[in-house]
Amino acid sequence: MPMIGTIGNPVIVKKDRDFAIKNVALIKFKPDSQVINKYPKEVLDSELFHSHYQMQSSGSTQKIISLDFIRNLEIPLPPLEVQKEIVAKIESERKVIDGCRELIKTYENKIKRVIDKVWEE
């Protein structure tokens, strides 16, 4: 999760490899942990947490949050099955939203073509 500039904005790294970490918090889970990585990612990427990052950040030109700030974040951790349900619901809603965005683009293009045709006549 970036700590300088575009603070917050967590991503999931899908490959096991060595990292050189600078200005980024790497949040790792133990193999036996009762956390699916998509759950804390969604929580950390929520509007509530974005507001919290902004309020706690320092710097004027380039916002900064400290590693201690990230270490001390309290993330509600429901049972594993509830985490899976929450993530599934978010992913399902995201697909609907993405479909709506595509539909908006399609209709914007259609409207533009009609307007262009009217202006040509």
N, C-alpha and C. Protein backbone atom coordinates (compact mmCIF):
# COMPACT_ATOMS: atom_id res chain seq x y z
N MET A 1 0.85 -1.17 0.00
CA MET A 1 0.00 0.00 0.00
C MET A 1 0.90 1.24 0.00
N PRO A 2 0.71 2.13 -0.97
CA PRO A 2 1.55 3.34 -1.05
C PRO A 2 1.39 4.22 0.20
N MET A 3 2.52 4.76 0.65
CA MET A 3 2.53 5.62 1.83
C MET A 3 2.85 7.07 1.48
N ILE A 4 3.27 7.33 0.26
CA ILE A 4 3.62 8.68 -0.17
C ILE A 4 2.97 8.94 -1.52
N GLY A 5 2.43 10.15 -1.69
CA GLY A 5 1.80 10.52 -2.96
C GLY A 5 0.38 10.02 -3.02
N THR A 6 0.15 8.97 -3.76
CA THR A 6 -1.18 8.36 -3.85
C THR A 6 -1.32 7.43 -2.66
N ILE A 7 -1.61 8.00 -1.49
CA ILE A 7 -1.67 7.18 -0.28
C ILE A 7 -2.92 6.30 -0.30
N GLY A 8 -2.79 5.20 0.42
CA GLY A 8 -3.89 4.25 0.39
C GLY A 8 -3.77 3.44 -0.89
N ASN A 9 -4.87 3.25 -1.61
CA ASN A 9 -4.86 2.55 -2.89
C ASN A 9 -4.14 1.19 -2.82
N PRO A 10 -4.59 0.31 -1.91
CA PRO A 10 -3.91 -0.99 -1.77
C PRO A 10 -4.11 -1.88 -2.99
N VAL A 11 -3.13 -2.71 -3.26
CA VAL A 11 -3.22 -3.69 -4.34
C VAL A 11 -2.81 -5.05 -3.79
N ILE A 12 -3.24 -6.10 -4.47
CA ILE A 12 -2.85 -7.44 -4.09
C ILE A 12 -1.76 -7.91 -5.04
N VAL A 13 -0.65 -8.32 -4.48
CA VAL A 13 0.46 -8.85 -5.28
C VAL A 13 0.20 -10.33 -5.45
N LYS A 14 0.14 -10.78 -6.70
CA LYS A 14 -0.24 -12.16 -6.98
C LYS A 14 0.94 -13.10 -7.16
N LYS A 15 2.14 -12.60 -7.06
CA LYS A 15 3.31 -13.45 -7.27
C LYS A 15 4.17 -13.46 -6.02
N ASP A 16 4.75 -14.62 -5.75
CA ASP A 16 5.72 -14.72 -4.66
C ASP A 16 7.08 -14.34 -5.22
N ARG A 17 7.65 -13.32 -4.66
CA ARG A 17 8.97 -12.90 -5.10
C ARG A 17 9.56 -11.97 -4.06
N ASP A 18 10.84 -11.66 -4.19
CA ASP A 18 11.48 -10.73 -3.28
C ASP A 18 11.11 -9.31 -3.69
N PHE A 19 10.99 -8.44 -2.71
CA PHE A 19 10.63 -7.06 -2.96
C PHE A 19 11.66 -6.12 -2.36
N ALA A 20 11.88 -5.03 -3.05
CA ALA A 20 12.61 -3.92 -2.48
C ALA A 20 11.52 -2.91 -2.10
N ILE A 21 11.36 -2.68 -0.84
CA ILE A 21 10.26 -1.85 -0.36
C ILE A 21 10.77 -0.46 -0.02
N LYS A 22 10.15 0.55 -0.64
CA LYS A 22 10.45 1.94 -0.30
C LYS A 22 9.16 2.73 -0.49
N ASN A 23 8.74 3.37 0.57
CA ASN A 23 7.53 4.20 0.55
C ASN A 23 6.26 3.40 0.28
N VAL A 24 6.33 2.09 0.52
CA VAL A 24 5.20 1.21 0.32
C VAL A 24 5.12 0.27 1.52
N ALA A 25 3.92 0.08 2.04
CA ALA A 25 3.73 -0.88 3.12
C ALA A 25 3.36 -2.22 2.51
N LEU A 26 4.08 -3.25 2.89
CA LEU A 26 3.78 -4.60 2.44
C LEU A 26 3.06 -5.32 3.59
N ILE A 27 1.83 -5.68 3.35
CA ILE A 27 1.02 -6.34 4.37
C ILE A 27 0.96 -7.81 4.02
N LYS A 28 1.57 -8.64 4.87
CA LYS A 28 1.62 -10.08 4.59
C LYS A 28 0.80 -10.82 5.65
N PHE A 29 0.30 -11.98 5.24
CA PHE A 29 -0.48 -12.81 6.14
C PHE A 29 0.23 -14.13 6.34
N LYS A 30 0.19 -14.65 7.54
CA LYS A 30 0.77 -15.95 7.81
C LYS A 30 -0.08 -17.02 7.14
N PRO A 31 0.54 -18.14 6.74
CA PRO A 31 -0.21 -19.19 6.04
C PRO A 31 -1.44 -19.69 6.81
N ASP A 32 -1.39 -19.68 8.13
CA ASP A 32 -2.51 -20.19 8.92
C ASP A 32 -3.49 -19.10 9.36
N SER A 33 -3.34 -17.89 8.80
CA SER A 33 -4.22 -16.80 9.22
C SER A 33 -5.64 -17.01 8.69
N GLN A 34 -6.58 -16.48 9.39
CA GLN A 34 -7.99 -16.60 9.01
C GLN A 34 -8.43 -15.33 8.26
N VAL A 35 -7.64 -14.97 7.25
CA VAL A 35 -7.91 -13.77 6.46
C VAL A 35 -7.77 -14.12 4.99
N ILE A 36 -8.77 -13.73 4.19
CA ILE A 36 -8.56 -13.82 2.74
C ILE A 36 -8.08 -12.45 2.31
N ASN A 37 -7.03 -12.40 1.50
CA ASN A 37 -6.37 -11.12 1.21
C ASN A 37 -7.28 -10.09 0.55
N LYS A 38 -8.33 -10.51 -0.13
CA LYS A 38 -9.23 -9.55 -0.77
C LYS A 38 -10.05 -8.76 0.26
N TYR A 39 -10.30 -9.35 1.42
CA TYR A 39 -11.11 -8.67 2.43
C TYR A 39 -10.42 -7.41 2.97
N PRO A 40 -9.20 -7.51 3.53
CA PRO A 40 -8.56 -6.27 4.02
C PRO A 40 -8.29 -5.27 2.90
N LYS A 41 -8.05 -5.79 1.68
CA LYS A 41 -7.84 -4.88 0.54
C LYS A 41 -9.08 -4.02 0.33
N GLU A 42 -10.26 -4.65 0.36
CA GLU A 42 -11.52 -3.90 0.17
C GLU A 42 -11.76 -2.93 1.32
N VAL A 43 -11.46 -3.37 2.54
CA VAL A 43 -11.64 -2.49 3.70
C VAL A 43 -10.70 -1.29 3.59
N LEU A 44 -9.43 -1.56 3.30
CA LEU A 44 -8.44 -0.48 3.21
C LEU A 44 -8.71 0.44 2.03
N ASP A 45 -9.43 -0.04 1.03
CA ASP A 45 -9.74 0.76 -0.15
C ASP A 45 -11.11 1.43 -0.05
N SER A 46 -11.75 1.33 1.09
CA SER A 46 -13.09 1.90 1.28
C SER A 46 -13.02 3.42 1.49
N GLU A 47 -14.15 4.07 1.25
CA GLU A 47 -14.23 5.53 1.45
C GLU A 47 -13.92 5.92 2.90
N LEU A 48 -14.37 5.11 3.84
CA LEU A 48 -14.12 5.38 5.26
C LEU A 48 -12.62 5.45 5.53
N PHE A 49 -11.88 4.46 5.01
CA PHE A 49 -10.44 4.46 5.24
C PHE A 49 -9.75 5.54 4.43
N HIS A 50 -10.21 5.83 3.21
CA HIS A 50 -9.62 6.93 2.43
C HIS A 50 -9.73 8.25 3.18
N SER A 51 -10.87 8.49 3.79
CA SER A 51 -11.05 9.71 4.59
C SER A 51 -10.08 9.72 5.76
N HIS A 52 -9.93 8.57 6.39
CA HIS A 52 -9.02 8.45 7.54
C HIS A 52 -7.58 8.73 7.10
N TYR A 53 -7.16 8.18 5.96
CA TYR A 53 -5.81 8.44 5.45
C TYR A 53 -5.60 9.93 5.24
N GLN A 54 -6.58 10.57 4.59
CA GLN A 54 -6.44 11.99 4.28
C GLN A 54 -6.35 12.84 5.55
N MET A 55 -7.16 12.51 6.54
CA MET A 55 -7.14 13.28 7.79
C MET A 55 -5.83 13.09 8.56
N GLN A 56 -5.25 11.91 8.46
CA GLN A 56 -4.04 11.61 9.23
C GLN A 56 -2.74 11.86 8.45
N SER A 57 -2.86 12.20 7.18
CA SER A 57 -1.65 12.38 6.37
C SER A 57 -1.01 13.72 6.68
N SER A 58 0.26 13.80 6.36
CA SER A 58 0.99 15.06 6.49
C SER A 58 1.56 15.41 5.12
N GLY A 59 2.11 16.59 5.01
CA GLY A 59 2.67 17.03 3.74
C GLY A 59 1.64 17.81 2.95
N SER A 60 2.11 18.81 2.20
CA SER A 60 1.18 19.63 1.44
C SER A 60 1.18 19.26 -0.04
N THR A 61 2.35 19.19 -0.65
CA THR A 61 2.43 18.86 -2.07
C THR A 61 2.28 17.36 -2.29
N GLN A 62 2.91 16.59 -1.44
CA GLN A 62 2.86 15.14 -1.55
C GLN A 62 2.45 14.57 -0.19
N LYS A 63 1.27 13.99 -0.13
CA LYS A 63 0.74 13.45 1.12
C LYS A 63 1.57 12.25 1.58
N ILE A 64 1.67 12.10 2.90
CA ILE A 64 2.46 11.02 3.49
C ILE A 64 1.70 10.43 4.67
N ILE A 65 1.68 9.10 4.74
CA ILE A 65 1.23 8.42 5.95
C ILE A 65 2.39 7.53 6.41
N SER A 66 2.53 7.39 7.71
CA SER A 66 3.67 6.65 8.25
C SER A 66 3.38 5.15 8.33
N LEU A 67 4.45 4.39 8.41
CA LEU A 67 4.31 2.96 8.58
C LEU A 67 3.65 2.65 9.93
N ASP A 68 3.98 3.43 10.95
CA ASP A 68 3.32 3.25 12.26
C ASP A 68 1.82 3.47 12.15
N PHE A 69 1.41 4.45 11.36
CA PHE A 69 -0.02 4.69 11.16
C PHE A 69 -0.68 3.45 10.56
N ILE A 70 -0.04 2.86 9.56
CA ILE A 70 -0.59 1.67 8.91
C ILE A 70 -0.60 0.50 9.89
N ARG A 71 0.48 0.34 10.64
CA ARG A 71 0.55 -0.76 11.62
C ARG A 71 -0.56 -0.65 12.67
N ASN A 72 -0.98 0.55 12.98
CA ASN A 72 -1.97 0.75 14.03
C ASN A 72 -3.41 0.82 13.52
N LEU A 73 -3.61 0.65 12.21
CA LEU A 73 -4.98 0.63 11.69
C LEU A 73 -5.74 -0.56 12.28
N GLU A 74 -6.95 -0.31 12.69
CA GLU A 74 -7.78 -1.39 13.21
C GLU A 74 -8.79 -1.77 12.13
N ILE A 75 -8.68 -3.00 11.68
CA ILE A 75 -9.56 -3.51 10.64
C ILE A 75 -10.48 -4.55 11.27
N PRO A 76 -11.79 -4.34 11.18
CA PRO A 76 -12.71 -5.34 11.73
C PRO A 76 -12.53 -6.66 10.98
N LEU A 77 -12.41 -7.75 11.72
CA LEU A 77 -12.14 -9.04 11.10
C LEU A 77 -13.23 -10.05 11.46
N PRO A 78 -14.23 -10.16 10.58
CA PRO A 78 -15.29 -11.15 10.82
C PRO A 78 -14.76 -12.56 10.50
N PRO A 79 -15.54 -13.59 10.82
CA PRO A 79 -15.14 -14.96 10.48
C PRO A 79 -14.88 -15.09 8.98
N LEU A 80 -14.09 -16.10 8.62
CA LEU A 80 -13.67 -16.32 7.24
C LEU A 80 -14.85 -16.39 6.27
N GLU A 81 -15.91 -17.08 6.63
CA GLU A 81 -17.07 -17.21 5.74
C GLU A 81 -17.73 -15.85 5.49
N VAL A 82 -17.78 -15.01 6.51
CA VAL A 82 -18.37 -13.67 6.35
C VAL A 82 -17.48 -12.82 5.45
N GLN A 83 -16.16 -12.94 5.61
CA GLN A 83 -15.23 -12.22 4.73
C GLN A 83 -15.49 -12.61 3.27
N LYS A 84 -15.65 -13.91 3.02
CA LYS A 84 -15.89 -14.39 1.66
C LYS A 84 -17.19 -13.82 1.11
N GLU A 85 -18.23 -13.78 1.94
CA GLU A 85 -19.53 -13.25 1.51
C GLU A 85 -19.41 -11.76 1.17
N ILE A 86 -18.71 -11.02 2.00
CA ILE A 86 -18.54 -9.57 1.78
C ILE A 86 -17.80 -9.33 0.47
N VAL A 87 -16.69 -10.04 0.27
CA VAL A 87 -15.89 -9.88 -0.96
C VAL A 87 -16.72 -10.28 -2.18
N ALA A 88 -17.47 -11.38 -2.09
CA ALA A 88 -18.30 -11.81 -3.23
C ALA A 88 -19.34 -10.76 -3.57
N LYS A 89 -19.96 -10.16 -2.56
CA LYS A 89 -20.98 -9.13 -2.79
C LYS A 89 -20.35 -7.90 -3.45
N ILE A 90 -19.21 -7.48 -2.96
CA ILE A 90 -18.52 -6.32 -3.55
C ILE A 90 -18.15 -6.60 -5.00
N GLU A 91 -17.59 -7.79 -5.27
CA GLU A 91 -17.21 -8.13 -6.64
C GLU A 91 -18.43 -8.19 -7.56
N SER A 92 -19.53 -8.71 -7.05
CA SER A 92 -20.76 -8.78 -7.83
C SER A 92 -21.28 -7.39 -8.17
N GLU A 93 -21.30 -6.51 -7.17
CA GLU A 93 -21.76 -5.13 -7.40
C GLU A 93 -20.81 -4.39 -8.33
N ARG A 94 -19.52 -4.67 -8.22
CA ARG A 94 -18.54 -4.01 -9.09
C ARG A 94 -18.78 -4.39 -10.56
N LYS A 95 -19.15 -5.65 -10.81
CA LYS A 95 -19.45 -6.09 -12.18
C LYS A 95 -20.66 -5.35 -12.73
N VAL A 96 -21.68 -5.15 -11.90
CA VAL A 96 -22.87 -4.41 -12.34
C VAL A 96 -22.48 -2.97 -12.66
N ILE A 97 -21.70 -2.36 -11.79
CA ILE A 97 -21.27 -0.97 -12.00
C ILE A 97 -20.44 -0.86 -13.28
N ASP A 98 -19.52 -1.80 -13.49
CA ASP A 98 -18.70 -1.77 -14.71
C ASP A 98 -19.58 -1.91 -15.96
N GLY A 99 -20.60 -2.77 -15.88
CA GLY A 99 -21.54 -2.92 -16.99
C GLY A 99 -22.28 -1.63 -17.27
N CYS A 100 -22.69 -0.95 -16.21
CA CYS A 100 -23.38 0.34 -16.37
C CYS A 100 -22.47 1.38 -16.99
N ARG A 101 -21.21 1.39 -16.59
CA ARG A 101 -20.26 2.34 -17.19
C ARG A 101 -20.11 2.10 -18.69
N GLU A 102 -20.04 0.83 -19.08
CA GLU A 102 -19.95 0.50 -20.50
C GLU A 102 -21.21 0.94 -21.24
N LEU A 103 -22.35 0.75 -20.62
CA LEU A 103 -23.62 1.17 -21.22
C LEU A 103 -23.65 2.69 -21.40
N ILE A 104 -23.17 3.42 -20.41
CA ILE A 104 -23.11 4.88 -20.51
C ILE A 104 -22.23 5.29 -21.69
N LYS A 105 -21.06 4.65 -21.83
CA LYS A 105 -20.17 4.96 -22.96
C LYS A 105 -20.87 4.70 -24.29
N THR A 106 -21.56 3.57 -24.37
CA THR A 106 -22.26 3.21 -25.60
C THR A 106 -23.29 4.28 -25.95
N TYR A 107 -24.10 4.68 -24.98
CA TYR A 107 -25.13 5.68 -25.26
C TYR A 107 -24.55 7.07 -25.49
N GLU A 108 -23.46 7.41 -24.84
CA GLU A 108 -22.81 8.70 -25.12
C GLU A 108 -22.34 8.74 -26.57
N ASN A 109 -21.78 7.62 -27.04
CA ASN A 109 -21.34 7.55 -28.43
C ASN A 109 -22.52 7.65 -29.39
N LYS A 110 -23.62 6.98 -29.07
CA LYS A 110 -24.82 7.05 -29.92
C LYS A 110 -25.36 8.48 -29.97
N ILE A 111 -25.41 9.12 -28.82
CA ILE A 111 -25.90 10.51 -28.76
C ILE A 111 -25.00 11.42 -29.59
N LYS A 112 -23.69 11.23 -29.45
CA LYS A 112 -22.75 12.05 -30.21
C LYS A 112 -22.96 11.86 -31.72
N ARG A 113 -23.17 10.62 -32.15
CA ARG A 113 -23.39 10.36 -33.58
C ARG A 113 -24.68 11.03 -34.06
N VAL A 114 -25.74 10.99 -33.26
CA VAL A 114 -27.00 11.63 -33.65
C VAL A 114 -26.82 13.14 -33.72
N ILE A 115 -26.15 13.72 -32.74
CA ILE A 115 -25.91 15.17 -32.75
C ILE A 115 -25.07 15.55 -33.96
N ASP A 116 -24.01 14.78 -34.23
CA ASP A 116 -23.18 15.06 -35.40
C ASP A 116 -24.01 14.99 -36.68
N LYS A 117 -24.89 14.02 -36.78
CA LYS A 117 -25.72 13.86 -37.96
C LYS A 117 -26.66 15.05 -38.10
N VAL A 118 -27.25 15.49 -36.99
CA VAL A 118 -28.17 16.64 -37.02
C VAL A 118 -27.41 17.89 -37.48
N TRP A 119 -26.21 18.11 -37.00
CA TRP A 119 -25.44 19.29 -37.36
C TRP A 119 -24.97 19.24 -38.81
N GLU A 120 -24.81 18.03 -39.34
CA GLU A 120 -24.41 17.90 -40.75
C GLU A 120 -25.54 18.31 -41.69
N GLU A 121 -26.79 18.10 -41.27
CA GLU A 121 -27.93 18.38 -42.14
C GLU A 121 -28.24 19.81 -42.17
